[in-house]
Amino acid sequence: MAKRRGVSYQKRVADINAIYDKYAKLGYSNREIWRRFVYPIYPVSERTFYNLLKASADPKNEIPKELTLFLDFGDEQ
């Protein structure tokens, strides 16, 4: 049986990947992105950070379009 993921998990995956994409293009190392930009917002371990980056490739972690309206909290960076 596959593990069911909630919408908040999907949002966290999307947010962390957006942060990663933004700073990876600027040449920051993965560890520095995690330490300076991800950890202060989402206090996850470095290992979890890498697992969340890997989870973004899984299509089951995409947020359905009808739920994106409910996930706009206005605190985006």
PDB file of N, CA and C in Angstrom:
ATOM      1  N   MET A   1       0.839  -1.171   0.000  1.00  0.00           N
ATOM      2  CA  MET A   1       0.000   0.000   0.000  1.00  0.00           C
ATOM      3  C   MET A   1       0.889   1.242   0.000  1.00  0.00           C
ATOM      4  N   ALA A   2       0.593   2.164  -0.888  1.00  0.00           N
ATOM      5  CA  ALA A   2       1.391   3.381  -1.005  1.00  0.00           C
ATOM      6  C   ALA A   2       1.045   4.350   0.118  1.00  0.00           C
ATOM      7  N   LYS A   3       2.044   5.090   0.520  1.00  0.00           N
ATOM      8  CA  LYS A   3       1.850   6.068   1.580  1.00  0.00           C
ATOM      9  C   LYS A   3       1.118   7.291   1.010  1.00  0.00           C
ATOM     10  N   ARG A   4       0.065   7.710   1.687  1.00  0.00           N
ATOM     11  CA  ARG A   4      -0.717   8.846   1.218  1.00  0.00           C
ATOM     12  C   ARG A   4      -0.110  10.142   1.747  1.00  0.00           C
ATOM     13  N   ARG A   5       0.069  11.114   0.877  1.00  0.00           N
ATOM     14  CA  ARG A   5       0.645  12.401   1.248  1.00  0.00           C
ATOM     15  C   ARG A   5      -0.443  13.459   1.253  1.00  0.00           C
ATOM     16  N   GLY A   6      -0.396  14.346   2.229  1.00  0.00           N
ATOM     17  CA  GLY A   6      -1.371  15.420   2.325  1.00  0.00           C
ATOM     18  C   GLY A   6      -0.994  16.606   1.464  1.00  0.00           C
ATOM     19  N   VAL A   7      -1.918  17.519   1.326  1.00  0.00           N
ATOM     20  CA  VAL A   7      -1.694  18.702   0.514  1.00  0.00           C
ATOM     21  C   VAL A   7      -0.622  19.589   1.142  1.00  0.00           C
ATOM     22  N   SER A   8      -0.557  19.641   2.464  1.00  0.00           N
ATOM     23  CA  SER A   8       0.474  20.463   3.104  1.00  0.00           C
ATOM     24  C   SER A   8       1.872  19.924   2.781  1.00  0.00           C
ATOM     25  N   TYR A   9       2.003  18.609   2.693  1.00  0.00           N
ATOM     26  CA  TYR A   9       3.287  18.007   2.294  1.00  0.00           C
ATOM     27  C   TYR A   9       3.622  18.418   0.863  1.00  0.00           C
ATOM     28  N   GLN A  10       2.620  18.365  -0.004  1.00  0.00           N
ATOM     29  CA  GLN A  10       2.831  18.736  -1.400  1.00  0.00           C
ATOM     30  C   GLN A  10       3.245  20.198  -1.511  1.00  0.00           C
ATOM     31  N   LYS A  11       2.642  21.061  -0.696  1.00  0.00           N
ATOM     32  CA  LYS A  11       3.008  22.473  -0.710  1.00  0.00           C
ATOM     33  C   LYS A  11       4.437  22.663  -0.214  1.00  0.00           C
ATOM     34  N   ARG A  12       4.812  21.950   0.836  1.00  0.00           N
ATOM     35  CA  ARG A  12       6.172  22.043   1.368  1.00  0.00           C
ATOM     36  C   ARG A  12       7.181  21.597   0.306  1.00  0.00           C
ATOM     37  N   VAL A  13       6.877  20.514  -0.406  1.00  0.00           N
ATOM     38  CA  VAL A  13       7.753  20.041  -1.479  1.00  0.00           C
ATOM     39  C   VAL A  13       7.895  21.116  -2.548  1.00  0.00           C
ATOM     40  N   ALA A  14       6.773  21.706  -2.956  1.00  0.00           N
ATOM     41  CA  ALA A  14       6.807  22.743  -3.995  1.00  0.00           C
ATOM     42  C   ALA A  14       7.572  23.975  -3.530  1.00  0.00           C
ATOM     43  N   ASP A  15       7.342  24.414  -2.296  1.00  0.00           N
ATOM     44  CA  ASP A  15       8.020  25.602  -1.775  1.00  0.00           C
ATOM     45  C   ASP A  15       9.521  25.396  -1.664  1.00  0.00           C
ATOM     46  N   ILE A  16       9.925  24.269  -1.127  1.00  0.00           N
ATOM     47  CA  ILE A  16      11.352  23.995  -0.957  1.00  0.00           C
ATOM     48  C   ILE A  16      12.035  23.870  -2.314  1.00  0.00           C
ATOM     49  N   ASN A  17      11.365  23.268  -3.273  1.00  0.00           N
ATOM     50  CA  ASN A  17      11.947  23.163  -4.606  1.00  0.00           C
ATOM     51  C   ASN A  17      12.042  24.516  -5.292  1.00  0.00           C
ATOM     52  N   ALA A  18      11.085  25.395  -5.045  1.00  0.00           N
ATOM     53  CA  ALA A  18      11.152  26.745  -5.608  1.00  0.00           C
ATOM     54  C   ALA A  18      12.343  27.503  -5.019  1.00  0.00           C
ATOM     55  N   ILE A  19      12.531  27.379  -3.704  1.00  0.00           N
ATOM     56  CA  ILE A  19      13.685  28.017  -3.051  1.00  0.00           C
ATOM     57  C   ILE A  19      14.977  27.446  -3.624  1.00  0.00           C
ATOM     58  N   TYR A  20      15.032  26.124  -3.752  1.00  0.00           N
ATOM     59  CA  TYR A  20      16.228  25.469  -4.282  1.00  0.00           C
ATOM     60  C   TYR A  20      16.533  25.938  -5.710  1.00  0.00           C
ATOM     61  N   ASP A  21      15.512  25.962  -6.552  1.00  0.00           N
ATOM     62  CA  ASP A  21      15.724  26.377  -7.948  1.00  0.00           C
ATOM     63  C   ASP A  21      16.239  27.810  -8.031  1.00  0.00           C
ATOM     64  N   LYS A  22      15.690  28.677  -7.202  1.00  0.00           N
ATOM     65  CA  LYS A  22      16.088  30.087  -7.214  1.00  0.00           C
ATOM     66  C   LYS A  22      17.570  30.252  -6.889  1.00  0.00           C
ATOM     67  N   TYR A  23      18.032  29.582  -5.836  1.00  0.00           N
ATOM     68  CA  TYR A  23      19.410  29.793  -5.389  1.00  0.00           C
ATOM     69  C   TYR A  23      20.415  28.867  -6.079  1.00  0.00           C
ATOM     70  N   ALA A  24      19.970  27.750  -6.600  1.00  0.00           N
ATOM     71  CA  ALA A  24      20.889  26.877  -7.330  1.00  0.00           C
ATOM     72  C   ALA A  24      21.345  27.565  -8.617  1.00  0.00           C
ATOM     73  N   LYS A  25      20.455  28.341  -9.228  1.00  0.00           N
ATOM     74  CA  LYS A  25      20.816  29.069 -10.444  1.00  0.00           C
ATOM     75  C   LYS A  25      21.854  30.147 -10.171  1.00  0.00           C
ATOM     76  N   LEU A  26      21.889  30.615  -8.928  1.00  0.00           N
ATOM     77  CA  LEU A  26      22.865  31.647  -8.553  1.00  0.00           C
ATOM     78  C   LEU A  26      24.209  31.053  -8.140  1.00  0.00           C
ATOM     79  N   GLY A  27      24.299  29.718  -8.111  1.00  0.00           N
ATOM     80  CA  GLY A  27      25.573  29.063  -7.844  1.00  0.00           C
ATOM     81  C   GLY A  27      25.822  28.647  -6.407  1.00  0.00           C
ATOM     82  N   TYR A  28      24.809  28.714  -5.543  1.00  0.00           N
ATOM     83  CA  TYR A  28      24.978  28.271  -4.160  1.00  0.00           C
ATOM     84  C   TYR A  28      25.042  26.746  -4.099  1.00  0.00           C
ATOM     85  N   SER A  29      25.807  26.219  -3.146  1.00  0.00           N
ATOM     86  CA  SER A  29      25.866  24.770  -2.965  1.00  0.00           C
ATOM     87  C   SER A  29      24.574  24.295  -2.300  1.00  0.00           C
ATOM     88  N   ASN A  30      24.289  23.010  -2.426  1.00  0.00           N
ATOM     89  CA  ASN A  30      23.076  22.453  -1.825  1.00  0.00           C
ATOM     90  C   ASN A  30      23.041  22.668  -0.319  1.00  0.00           C
ATOM     91  N   ARG A  31      24.160  22.446   0.337  1.00  0.00           N
ATOM     92  CA  ARG A  31      24.207  22.603   1.790  1.00  0.00           C
ATOM     93  C   ARG A  31      23.968  24.057   2.192  1.00  0.00           C
ATOM     94  N   GLU A  32      24.522  24.979   1.447  1.00  0.00           N
ATOM     95  CA  GLU A  32      24.327  26.392   1.766  1.00  0.00           C
ATOM     96  C   GLU A  32      22.877  26.816   1.521  1.00  0.00           C
ATOM     97  N   ILE A  33      22.258  26.308   0.472  1.00  0.00           N
ATOM     98  CA  ILE A  33      20.842  26.594   0.220  1.00  0.00           C
ATOM     99  C   ILE A  33      20.008  26.084   1.380  1.00  0.00           C
ATOM    100  N   TRP A  34      20.283  24.859   1.809  1.00  0.00           N
ATOM    101  CA  TRP A  34      19.530  24.297   2.943  1.00  0.00           C
ATOM    102  C   TRP A  34      19.747  25.128   4.206  1.00  0.00           C
ATOM    103  N   ARG A  35      21.005  25.442   4.512  1.00  0.00           N
ATOM    104  CA  ARG A  35      21.325  26.116   5.765  1.00  0.00           C
ATOM    105  C   ARG A  35      20.837  27.566   5.801  1.00  0.00           C
ATOM    106  N   ARG A  36      21.012  28.318   4.720  1.00  0.00           N
ATOM    107  CA  ARG A  36      20.715  29.752   4.731  1.00  0.00           C
ATOM    108  C   ARG A  36      19.296  30.105   4.325  1.00  0.00           C
ATOM    109  N   PHE A  37      18.679  29.286   3.461  1.00  0.00           N
ATOM    110  CA  PHE A  37      17.408  29.694   2.889  1.00  0.00           C
ATOM    111  C   PHE A  37      16.240  28.768   3.219  1.00  0.00           C
ATOM    112  N   VAL A  38      16.485  27.474   3.340  1.00  0.00           N
ATOM    113  CA  VAL A  38      15.391  26.536   3.620  1.00  0.00           C
ATOM    114  C   VAL A  38      15.174  26.353   5.113  1.00  0.00           C
ATOM    115  N   TYR A  39      16.228  26.070   5.848  1.00  0.00           N
ATOM    116  CA  TYR A  39      16.089  25.742   7.276  1.00  0.00           C
ATOM    117  C   TYR A  39      15.416  26.837   8.111  1.00  0.00           C
ATOM    118  N   PRO A  40      15.696  28.116   7.870  1.00  0.00           N
ATOM    119  CA  PRO A  40      14.998  29.141   8.674  1.00  0.00           C
ATOM    120  C   PRO A  40      13.479  29.165   8.456  1.00  0.00           C
ATOM    121  N   ILE A  41      13.019  28.747   7.280  1.00  0.00           N
ATOM    122  CA  ILE A  41      11.580  28.750   6.983  1.00  0.00           C
ATOM    123  C   ILE A  41      10.964  27.394   7.295  1.00  0.00           C
ATOM    124  N   TYR A  42      11.606  26.340   6.853  1.00  0.00           N
ATOM    125  CA  TYR A  42      11.157  24.967   7.085  1.00  0.00           C
ATOM    126  C   TYR A  42      12.250  24.234   7.860  1.00  0.00           C
ATOM    127  N   PRO A  43      12.136  24.130   9.181  1.00  0.00           N
ATOM    128  CA  PRO A  43      13.201  23.502   9.975  1.00  0.00           C
ATOM    129  C   PRO A  43      13.223  21.977   9.807  1.00  0.00           C
ATOM    130  N   VAL A  44      13.757  21.541   8.679  1.00  0.00           N
ATOM    131  CA  VAL A  44      13.894  20.116   8.394  1.00  0.00           C
ATOM    132  C   VAL A  44      15.378  19.778   8.364  1.00  0.00           C
ATOM    133  N   SER A  45      15.679  18.514   8.586  1.00  0.00           N
ATOM    134  CA  SER A  45      17.082  18.097   8.546  1.00  0.00           C
ATOM    135  C   SER A  45      17.592  18.148   7.106  1.00  0.00           C
ATOM    136  N   GLU A  46      18.902  18.087   6.977  1.00  0.00           N
ATOM    137  CA  GLU A  46      19.489  18.109   5.638  1.00  0.00           C
ATOM    138  C   GLU A  46      19.067  16.876   4.841  1.00  0.00           C
ATOM    139  N   ARG A  47      18.970  15.761   5.512  1.00  0.00           N
ATOM    140  CA  ARG A  47      18.542  14.527   4.844  1.00  0.00           C
ATOM    141  C   ARG A  47      17.106  14.666   4.325  1.00  0.00           C
ATOM    142  N   THR A  48      16.223  15.241   5.146  1.00  0.00           N
ATOM    143  CA  THR A  48      14.842  15.461   4.720  1.00  0.00           C
ATOM    144  C   THR A  48      14.796  16.439   3.557  1.00  0.00           C
ATOM    145  N   PHE A  49      15.658  17.444   3.576  1.00  0.00           N
ATOM    146  CA  PHE A  49      15.757  18.395   2.477  1.00  0.00           C
ATOM    147  C   PHE A  49      16.034  17.666   1.164  1.00  0.00           C
ATOM    148  N   TYR A  50      16.991  16.751   1.176  1.00  0.00           N
ATOM    149  CA  TYR A  50      17.304  15.997  -0.033  1.00  0.00           C
ATOM    150  C   TYR A  50      16.140  15.080  -0.441  1.00  0.00           C
ATOM    151  N   ASN A  51      15.466  14.504   0.541  1.00  0.00           N
ATOM    152  CA  ASN A  51      14.305  13.664   0.221  1.00  0.00           C
ATOM    153  C   ASN A  51      13.180  14.491  -0.398  1.00  0.00           C
ATOM    154  N   LEU A  52      12.995  15.714   0.073  1.00  0.00           N
ATOM    155  CA  LEU A  52      11.965  16.582  -0.501  1.00  0.00           C
ATOM    156  C   LEU A  52      12.328  17.004  -1.917  1.00  0.00           C
ATOM    157  N   LEU A  53      13.607  17.224  -2.185  1.00  0.00           N
ATOM    158  CA  LEU A  53      14.027  17.537  -3.554  1.00  0.00           C
ATOM    159  C   LEU A  53      13.749  16.351  -4.470  1.00  0.00           C
ATOM    160  N   LYS A  54      14.003  15.157  -3.970  1.00  0.00           N
ATOM    161  CA  LYS A  54      13.747  13.946  -4.746  1.00  0.00           C
ATOM    162  C   LYS A  54      12.246  13.723  -4.941  1.00  0.00           C
ATOM    163  N   ALA A  55      11.443  14.082  -3.944  1.00  0.00           N
ATOM    164  CA  ALA A  55       9.997  13.871  -4.011  1.00  0.00           C
ATOM    165  C   ALA A  55       9.352  14.723  -5.088  1.00  0.00           C
ATOM    166  N   SER A  56       9.983  15.819  -5.472  1.00  0.00           N
ATOM    167  CA  SER A  56       9.381  16.698  -6.470  1.00  0.00           C
ATOM    168  C   SER A  56       9.280  16.023  -7.829  1.00  0.00           C
ATOM    169  N   ALA A  57      10.083  15.004  -8.067  1.00  0.00           N
ATOM    170  CA  ALA A  57      10.046  14.307  -9.343  1.00  0.00           C
ATOM    171  C   ALA A  57       8.880  13.320  -9.426  1.00  0.00           C
ATOM    172  N   ASP A  58       8.253  13.038  -8.298  1.00  0.00           N
ATOM    173  CA  ASP A  58       7.148  12.079  -8.264  1.00  0.00           C
ATOM    174  C   ASP A  58       5.844  12.781  -8.625  1.00  0.00           C
ATOM    175  N   PRO A  59       5.161  12.337  -9.675  1.00  0.00           N
ATOM    176  CA  PRO A  59       3.933  13.028 -10.105  1.00  0.00           C
ATOM    177  C   PRO A  59       2.817  13.022  -9.062  1.00  0.00           C
ATOM    178  N   LYS A  60       2.831  12.099  -8.120  1.00  0.00           N
ATOM    179  CA  LYS A  60       1.772  12.073  -7.103  1.00  0.00           C
ATOM    180  C   LYS A  60       1.906  13.224  -6.118  1.00  0.00           C
ATOM    181  N   ASN A  61       3.048  13.919  -6.124  1.00  0.00           N
ATOM    182  CA  ASN A  61       3.255  15.049  -5.225  1.00  0.00           C
ATOM    183  C   ASN A  61       2.913  16.390  -5.863  1.00  0.00           C
ATOM    184  N   GLU A  62       2.345  16.369  -7.061  1.00  0.00           N
ATOM    185  CA  GLU A  62       1.910  17.615  -7.676  1.00  0.00           C
ATOM    186  C   GLU A  62       0.603  18.050  -7.037  1.00  0.00           C
ATOM    187  N   ILE A  63       0.483  19.339  -6.807  1.00  0.00           N
ATOM    188  CA  ILE A  63      -0.710  19.886  -6.167  1.00  0.00           C
ATOM    189  C   ILE A  63      -1.800  20.036  -7.226  1.00  0.00           C
ATOM    190  N   PRO A  64      -2.985  19.461  -6.978  1.00  0.00           N
ATOM    191  CA  PRO A  64      -4.093  19.635  -7.934  1.00  0.00           C
ATOM    192  C   PRO A  64      -4.450  21.113  -8.074  1.00  0.00           C
ATOM    193  N   LYS A  65      -4.776  21.522  -9.289  1.00  0.00           N
ATOM    194  CA  LYS A  65      -5.052  22.933  -9.566  1.00  0.00           C
ATOM    195  C   LYS A  65      -6.189  23.491  -8.718  1.00  0.00           C
ATOM    196  N   GLU A  66      -7.197  22.680  -8.411  1.00  0.00           N
ATOM    197  CA  GLU A  66      -8.332  23.182  -7.634  1.00  0.00           C
ATOM    198  C   GLU A  66      -7.968  23.450  -6.174  1.00  0.00           C
ATOM    199  N   LEU A  67      -6.833  22.946  -5.701  1.00  0.00           N
ATOM    200  CA  LEU A  67      -6.418  23.171  -4.314  1.00  0.00           C
ATOM    201  C   LEU A  67      -5.412  24.306  -4.155  1.00  0.00           C
ATOM    202  N   THR A  68      -4.854  24.791  -5.252  1.00  0.00           N
ATOM    203  CA  THR A  68      -3.838  25.833  -5.138  1.00  0.00           C
ATOM    204  C   THR A  68      -4.404  27.128  -4.568  1.00  0.00           C
ATOM    205  N   LEU A  69      -5.676  27.403  -4.791  1.00  0.00           N
ATOM    206  CA  LEU A  69      -6.310  28.600  -4.239  1.00  0.00           C
ATOM    207  C   LEU A  69      -6.238  28.611  -2.718  1.00  0.00           C
ATOM    208  N   PHE A  70      -6.396  27.453  -2.103  1.00  0.00           N
ATOM    209  CA  PHE A  70      -6.395  27.356  -0.647  1.00  0.00           C
ATOM    210  C   PHE A  70      -5.002  27.404  -0.032  1.00  0.00           C
ATOM    211  N   LEU A  71      -3.969  27.314  -0.852  1.00  0.00           N
ATOM    212  CA  LEU A  71      -2.602  27.263  -0.337  1.00  0.00           C
ATOM    213  C   LEU A  71      -1.869  28.583  -0.480  1.00  0.00           C
ATOM    214  N   ASP A  72      -2.547  29.642  -0.869  1.00  0.00           N
ATOM    215  CA  ASP A  72      -1.928  30.948  -0.989  1.00  0.00           C
ATOM    216  C   ASP A  72      -2.054  31.669   0.340  1.00  0.00           C
ATOM    217  N   PHE A  73      -0.996  31.593   1.158  1.00  0.00           N
ATOM    218  CA  PHE A  73      -1.017  32.153   2.493  1.00  0.00           C
ATOM    219  C   PHE A  73      -0.460  33.572   2.541  1.00  0.00           C
ATOM    220  N   GLY A  74       0.036  34.072   1.431  1.00  0.00           N
ATOM    221  CA  GLY A  74       0.547  35.436   1.378  1.00  0.00           C
ATOM    222  C   GLY A  74       1.910  35.620   2.003  1.00  0.00           C
ATOM    223  N   ASP A  75       2.554  34.567   2.467  1.00  0.00           N
ATOM    224  CA  ASP A  75       3.875  34.692   3.086  1.00  0.00           C
ATOM    225  C   ASP A  75       4.965  34.139   2.184  1.00  0.00           C
ATOM    226  N   GLU A  76       4.713  34.116   0.907  1.00  0.00           N
ATOM    227  CA  GLU A  76       5.688  33.598  -0.051  1.00  0.00           C
ATOM    228  C   GLU A  76       6.856  34.560  -0.177  1.00  0.00           C
ATOM    229  N   GLN A  77       8.007  34.009  -0.537  1.00  0.00           N
ATOM    230  CA  GLN A  77       9.187  34.849  -0.696  1.00  0.00           C
ATOM    231  C   GLN A  77       9.385  35.179  -2.133  1.00  0.00           C
TER     232      GLN A  77
END
